[in-house]
Structure formats: structure tokens, C-alpha cells
Amino acid sequence: MSTRRIVTAETSEKPAVTADTDASAVVEKPKAQAVQVPGAVIAKLLMFTLAMIAGPLGTYYISITRLFIGNATVAGALAAVAANAVLITYVIVAMSEDDSDDKEKKSQ
């Protein structure tokens, strides 16, 4: 059996502004402001995204066709290593960027 949800009028309707109510009494929710993201951050994110796609796929293709011909297990393991290398590099770059921001704020 399902339960019945009762919705009251105060939660489903917006407060109406009439002639007898003060327009300043109606409180509107503040609008969310857009966050400005620097172009260097977007470029870095795109670079690591492409590396995360091309690195493991390229490693798998090269290792299965040239290095370990036909051995998909070793090729897959190398592709996983390549993906982890890209991920670790991204974390290191992100942490070094975070440290440089803190040093810049302290110097000012």
C-alpha cells in the first residue's frame, strides 16, 4: 500500500503581494552567483582529461601490438599503470598549485 502525502497551501504557494501588504515584507531567496574559474585551471583540466583518455588507450594499443603481441593481460595492466600515473601526476600538480596560492597570500 502506498501512503498519501498531504501538501499544505503554505509550502506549495508563493506569498502574494497585494495592495494591503508591504512589498518589502516579501523576502526573496538570494540568487546563486556564478563562480569565475581561471582559464589556466580549465586548460589544465582539459589537458589531464585528454591524458587520461589517450594515455591508457595508447599504452594498451602499443603494448598489445608491438611489445607483448597478443597478451591482453599484460597490456591491460600497463594501461592501468598509465592511468594511475596520470592520476598521481594530477594530484601532485593540484597540491603544488594549492601551496603556491597560500604562499602568495602570506606575502601580501
N, C-alpha and C. Protein backbone atom coordinates (compact mmCIF):
# COMPACT_ATOMS: atom_id res chain seq x y z
N MET A 1 0.82 -1.17 0.00
CA MET A 1 0.00 0.00 0.00
C MET A 1 0.88 1.24 0.00
N SER A 2 0.41 2.23 -0.65
CA SER A 2 1.15 3.48 -0.67
C SER A 2 0.53 4.47 0.31
N THR A 3 1.34 5.40 0.73
CA THR A 3 0.84 6.41 1.66
C THR A 3 0.47 7.66 0.90
N ARG A 4 -0.41 8.42 1.47
CA ARG A 4 -0.86 9.64 0.83
C ARG A 4 -0.12 10.83 1.42
N ARG A 5 0.46 11.64 0.56
CA ARG A 5 1.19 12.81 1.01
C ARG A 5 0.26 14.02 0.95
N ILE A 6 0.12 14.70 2.06
CA ILE A 6 -0.73 15.88 2.12
C ILE A 6 0.16 17.11 2.03
N VAL A 7 -0.07 17.93 1.04
CA VAL A 7 0.70 19.14 0.84
C VAL A 7 -0.15 20.31 1.29
N THR A 8 0.40 21.09 2.19
CA THR A 8 -0.35 22.24 2.68
C THR A 8 -0.17 23.42 1.75
N ALA A 9 -1.07 24.36 1.84
CA ALA A 9 -1.04 25.52 0.96
C ALA A 9 0.15 26.41 1.24
N GLU A 10 0.68 26.46 2.46
CA GLU A 10 1.77 27.36 2.76
C GLU A 10 3.09 26.91 2.16
N THR A 11 3.27 25.63 1.89
CA THR A 11 4.53 25.19 1.30
C THR A 11 4.49 25.16 -0.21
N SER A 12 3.31 25.12 -0.80
CA SER A 12 3.24 24.97 -2.25
C SER A 12 3.02 26.28 -2.98
N GLU A 13 2.64 27.33 -2.29
CA GLU A 13 2.35 28.59 -2.96
C GLU A 13 3.34 29.66 -2.53
N LYS A 14 3.62 30.58 -3.45
CA LYS A 14 4.46 31.72 -3.14
C LYS A 14 3.60 32.78 -2.48
N PRO A 15 4.19 33.58 -1.60
CA PRO A 15 3.40 34.64 -0.99
C PRO A 15 3.01 35.69 -2.02
N ALA A 16 1.77 36.08 -1.97
CA ALA A 16 1.26 37.06 -2.94
C ALA A 16 1.42 38.45 -2.38
N VAL A 17 1.78 39.37 -3.25
CA VAL A 17 1.90 40.76 -2.85
C VAL A 17 0.62 41.45 -3.29
N THR A 18 -0.12 41.94 -2.32
CA THR A 18 -1.36 42.64 -2.62
C THR A 18 -1.22 44.09 -2.20
N ALA A 19 -2.26 44.85 -2.43
CA ALA A 19 -2.21 46.27 -2.11
C ALA A 19 -2.11 46.51 -0.62
N ASP A 20 -2.68 45.62 0.21
CA ASP A 20 -2.65 45.85 1.65
C ASP A 20 -1.38 45.32 2.31
N THR A 21 -0.56 44.53 1.61
CA THR A 21 0.69 44.06 2.19
C THR A 21 1.84 44.90 1.69
N ASP A 22 2.85 45.00 2.51
CA ASP A 22 4.03 45.78 2.17
C ASP A 22 4.92 44.95 1.24
N ALA A 23 5.37 45.53 0.16
CA ALA A 23 6.20 44.80 -0.81
C ALA A 23 7.54 44.43 -0.21
N SER A 24 8.04 45.19 0.75
CA SER A 24 9.32 44.86 1.37
C SER A 24 9.21 43.70 2.34
N ALA A 25 7.99 43.33 2.73
CA ALA A 25 7.80 42.22 3.67
C ALA A 25 8.01 40.87 2.99
N VAL A 26 7.86 40.82 1.69
CA VAL A 26 8.06 39.57 0.96
C VAL A 26 9.56 39.38 0.76
N VAL A 27 10.09 38.31 1.29
CA VAL A 27 11.52 38.04 1.22
C VAL A 27 11.77 37.07 0.09
N GLU A 28 12.65 37.46 -0.82
CA GLU A 28 13.02 36.58 -1.92
C GLU A 28 14.33 35.90 -1.59
N LYS A 29 14.50 34.70 -2.12
CA LYS A 29 15.74 33.97 -1.90
C LYS A 29 16.84 34.63 -2.73
N PRO A 30 18.05 34.73 -2.16
CA PRO A 30 19.14 35.31 -2.94
C PRO A 30 19.53 34.37 -4.08
N LYS A 31 19.84 34.94 -5.22
CA LYS A 31 20.22 34.13 -6.37
C LYS A 31 21.67 33.69 -6.23
N ALA A 32 21.96 32.49 -6.71
CA ALA A 32 23.32 31.98 -6.66
C ALA A 32 24.18 32.72 -7.66
N GLN A 33 25.38 33.07 -7.23
CA GLN A 33 26.27 33.79 -8.10
C GLN A 33 27.19 32.80 -8.82
N ALA A 34 27.53 33.11 -10.05
CA ALA A 34 28.40 32.25 -10.83
C ALA A 34 29.84 32.39 -10.32
N VAL A 35 30.54 31.29 -10.29
CA VAL A 35 31.93 31.27 -9.83
C VAL A 35 32.83 31.49 -11.05
N GLN A 36 33.76 32.40 -10.93
CA GLN A 36 34.70 32.67 -12.01
C GLN A 36 35.86 31.68 -11.90
N VAL A 37 36.06 30.87 -12.93
CA VAL A 37 37.14 29.90 -12.95
C VAL A 37 38.21 30.41 -13.91
N PRO A 38 39.46 30.49 -13.45
CA PRO A 38 40.53 30.98 -14.33
C PRO A 38 40.74 30.07 -15.53
N GLY A 39 41.18 30.67 -16.62
CA GLY A 39 41.41 29.91 -17.85
C GLY A 39 42.50 28.86 -17.70
N ALA A 40 43.51 29.14 -16.87
CA ALA A 40 44.60 28.18 -16.67
C ALA A 40 44.08 26.90 -16.01
N VAL A 41 43.12 27.03 -15.13
CA VAL A 41 42.55 25.85 -14.47
C VAL A 41 41.78 25.00 -15.46
N ILE A 42 41.01 25.65 -16.34
CA ILE A 42 40.26 24.92 -17.36
C ILE A 42 41.21 24.23 -18.33
N ALA A 43 42.28 24.93 -18.73
CA ALA A 43 43.26 24.33 -19.65
C ALA A 43 43.93 23.12 -19.02
N LYS A 44 44.29 23.24 -17.74
CA LYS A 44 44.94 22.14 -17.04
C LYS A 44 44.00 20.94 -16.92
N LEU A 45 42.73 21.22 -16.63
CA LEU A 45 41.75 20.14 -16.52
C LEU A 45 41.55 19.44 -17.87
N LEU A 46 41.47 20.20 -18.95
CA LEU A 46 41.34 19.60 -20.28
C LEU A 46 42.57 18.78 -20.65
N MET A 47 43.75 19.29 -20.30
CA MET A 47 44.98 18.56 -20.61
C MET A 47 45.00 17.21 -19.89
N PHE A 48 44.65 17.21 -18.60
CA PHE A 48 44.66 15.95 -17.86
C PHE A 48 43.52 15.03 -18.29
N THR A 49 42.42 15.59 -18.76
CA THR A 49 41.34 14.76 -19.28
C THR A 49 41.78 14.04 -20.54
N LEU A 50 42.41 14.77 -21.44
CA LEU A 50 42.93 14.14 -22.66
C LEU A 50 44.00 13.11 -22.34
N ALA A 51 44.87 13.41 -21.36
CA ALA A 51 45.90 12.44 -20.97
C ALA A 51 45.28 11.19 -20.35
N MET A 52 44.18 11.38 -19.62
CA MET A 52 43.51 10.23 -19.00
C MET A 52 42.83 9.34 -20.04
N ILE A 53 42.47 9.92 -21.18
CA ILE A 53 41.87 9.13 -22.25
C ILE A 53 42.94 8.52 -23.15
N ALA A 54 43.85 9.38 -23.61
CA ALA A 54 44.83 8.92 -24.60
C ALA A 54 45.94 8.07 -23.99
N GLY A 55 46.34 8.35 -22.77
CA GLY A 55 47.44 7.61 -22.15
C GLY A 55 47.17 6.12 -22.02
N PRO A 56 46.13 5.72 -21.32
CA PRO A 56 45.87 4.28 -21.18
C PRO A 56 45.51 3.60 -22.51
N LEU A 57 44.73 4.29 -23.37
CA LEU A 57 44.40 3.67 -24.66
C LEU A 57 45.63 3.49 -25.54
N GLY A 58 46.46 4.51 -25.57
CA GLY A 58 47.70 4.41 -26.36
C GLY A 58 48.64 3.35 -25.82
N THR A 59 48.76 3.30 -24.50
CA THR A 59 49.62 2.29 -23.87
C THR A 59 49.11 0.89 -24.17
N TYR A 60 47.80 0.71 -24.09
CA TYR A 60 47.22 -0.60 -24.37
C TYR A 60 47.47 -1.00 -25.83
N TYR A 61 47.21 -0.07 -26.74
CA TYR A 61 47.37 -0.38 -28.16
C TYR A 61 48.82 -0.69 -28.50
N ILE A 62 49.73 0.14 -28.03
CA ILE A 62 51.15 -0.09 -28.36
C ILE A 62 51.65 -1.38 -27.73
N SER A 63 51.27 -1.64 -26.49
CA SER A 63 51.77 -2.84 -25.84
C SER A 63 51.17 -4.12 -26.40
N ILE A 64 49.92 -4.07 -26.88
CA ILE A 64 49.32 -5.30 -27.42
C ILE A 64 49.77 -5.57 -28.86
N THR A 65 50.13 -4.51 -29.59
CA THR A 65 50.53 -4.72 -30.99
C THR A 65 52.04 -4.81 -31.18
N ARG A 66 52.82 -4.16 -30.32
CA ARG A 66 54.26 -4.12 -30.54
C ARG A 66 55.08 -4.81 -29.46
N LEU A 67 54.76 -4.59 -28.19
CA LEU A 67 55.59 -5.12 -27.12
C LEU A 67 55.24 -6.54 -26.73
N PHE A 68 54.01 -6.76 -26.34
CA PHE A 68 53.55 -8.08 -25.91
C PHE A 68 52.47 -8.52 -26.89
N ILE A 69 52.87 -9.03 -28.01
CA ILE A 69 51.94 -9.32 -29.11
C ILE A 69 50.92 -10.35 -28.65
N GLY A 70 49.65 -9.90 -28.63
CA GLY A 70 48.55 -10.79 -28.30
C GLY A 70 48.30 -11.03 -26.83
N ASN A 71 49.14 -10.53 -25.93
CA ASN A 71 48.96 -10.75 -24.50
C ASN A 71 48.17 -9.59 -23.91
N ALA A 72 46.86 -9.76 -23.83
CA ALA A 72 45.98 -8.68 -23.39
C ALA A 72 46.07 -8.43 -21.89
N THR A 73 46.48 -9.42 -21.12
CA THR A 73 46.57 -9.24 -19.68
C THR A 73 47.67 -8.24 -19.32
N VAL A 74 48.83 -8.41 -19.90
CA VAL A 74 49.94 -7.50 -19.63
C VAL A 74 49.64 -6.12 -20.21
N ALA A 75 49.02 -6.06 -21.38
CA ALA A 75 48.67 -4.78 -21.99
C ALA A 75 47.66 -4.04 -21.13
N GLY A 76 46.69 -4.75 -20.58
CA GLY A 76 45.72 -4.13 -19.68
C GLY A 76 46.35 -3.64 -18.40
N ALA A 77 47.29 -4.40 -17.87
CA ALA A 77 47.98 -3.98 -16.65
C ALA A 77 48.80 -2.72 -16.91
N LEU A 78 49.46 -2.64 -18.05
CA LEU A 78 50.22 -1.43 -18.38
C LEU A 78 49.30 -0.23 -18.59
N ALA A 79 48.14 -0.46 -19.16
CA ALA A 79 47.18 0.63 -19.33
C ALA A 79 46.69 1.13 -17.96
N ALA A 80 46.50 0.23 -17.01
CA ALA A 80 46.11 0.63 -15.66
C ALA A 80 47.22 1.41 -14.98
N VAL A 81 48.45 1.02 -15.21
CA VAL A 81 49.59 1.75 -14.66
C VAL A 81 49.65 3.15 -15.26
N ALA A 82 49.39 3.26 -16.56
CA ALA A 82 49.40 4.57 -17.21
C ALA A 82 48.29 5.47 -16.65
N ALA A 83 47.10 4.91 -16.41
CA ALA A 83 46.00 5.70 -15.85
C ALA A 83 46.34 6.17 -14.43
N ASN A 84 46.95 5.31 -13.64
CA ASN A 84 47.35 5.70 -12.29
C ASN A 84 48.45 6.75 -12.32
N ALA A 85 49.36 6.66 -13.28
CA ALA A 85 50.42 7.67 -13.40
C ALA A 85 49.83 9.05 -13.71
N VAL A 86 48.84 9.09 -14.60
CA VAL A 86 48.18 10.37 -14.91
C VAL A 86 47.46 10.90 -13.69
N LEU A 87 46.78 10.04 -12.97
CA LEU A 87 46.05 10.46 -11.78
C LEU A 87 46.97 10.99 -10.70
N ILE A 88 48.07 10.31 -10.45
CA ILE A 88 49.03 10.75 -9.43
C ILE A 88 49.66 12.08 -9.84
N THR A 89 49.96 12.24 -11.12
CA THR A 89 50.52 13.49 -11.62
C THR A 89 49.53 14.64 -11.41
N TYR A 90 48.26 14.39 -11.66
CA TYR A 90 47.24 15.42 -11.46
C TYR A 90 47.16 15.83 -10.00
N VAL A 91 47.20 14.87 -9.09
CA VAL A 91 47.13 15.18 -7.67
C VAL A 91 48.35 16.00 -7.24
N ILE A 92 49.53 15.65 -7.73
CA ILE A 92 50.74 16.39 -7.38
C ILE A 92 50.67 17.82 -7.90
N VAL A 93 50.21 18.00 -9.14
CA VAL A 93 50.09 19.34 -9.71
C VAL A 93 49.06 20.16 -8.94
N ALA A 94 47.95 19.54 -8.57
CA ALA A 94 46.91 20.26 -7.83
C ALA A 94 47.40 20.67 -6.45
N MET A 95 48.16 19.82 -5.79
CA MET A 95 48.67 20.16 -4.46
C MET A 95 49.73 21.24 -4.54
N SER A 96 50.57 21.21 -5.55
CA SER A 96 51.58 22.26 -5.69
C SER A 96 50.94 23.60 -6.04
N GLU A 97 49.86 23.58 -6.81
CA GLU A 97 49.13 24.81 -7.12
C GLU A 97 48.49 25.38 -5.88
N ASP A 98 47.96 24.54 -5.02
CA ASP A 98 47.33 24.98 -3.79
C ASP A 98 48.36 25.62 -2.86
N ASP A 99 49.57 25.07 -2.77
CA ASP A 99 50.62 25.63 -1.93
C ASP A 99 51.07 26.99 -2.43
N SER A 100 51.16 27.16 -3.73
CA SER A 100 51.61 28.44 -4.28
C SER A 100 50.60 29.55 -3.99
N ASP A 101 49.31 29.23 -3.94
CA ASP A 101 48.29 30.23 -3.60
C ASP A 101 48.43 30.67 -2.15
N ASP A 102 48.73 29.74 -1.26
CA ASP A 102 48.89 30.08 0.15
C ASP A 102 50.11 30.96 0.37
N LYS A 103 51.22 30.67 -0.31
CA LYS A 103 52.43 31.46 -0.17
C LYS A 103 52.23 32.88 -0.71
N GLU A 104 51.46 33.01 -1.78
CA GLU A 104 51.19 34.32 -2.37
C GLU A 104 50.35 35.18 -1.42
N LYS A 105 49.38 34.58 -0.76
CA LYS A 105 48.54 35.32 0.19
C LYS A 105 49.33 35.76 1.41
N LYS A 106 50.26 34.94 1.88
CA LYS A 106 51.06 35.29 3.05
C LYS A 106 52.03 36.42 2.75
N SER A 107 52.54 36.48 1.52
CA SER A 107 53.50 37.53 1.17
C SER A 107 52.84 38.89 1.06
N GLN A 108 51.54 38.93 0.82
CA GLN A 108 50.84 40.21 0.70
C GLN A 108 50.46 40.67 2.03
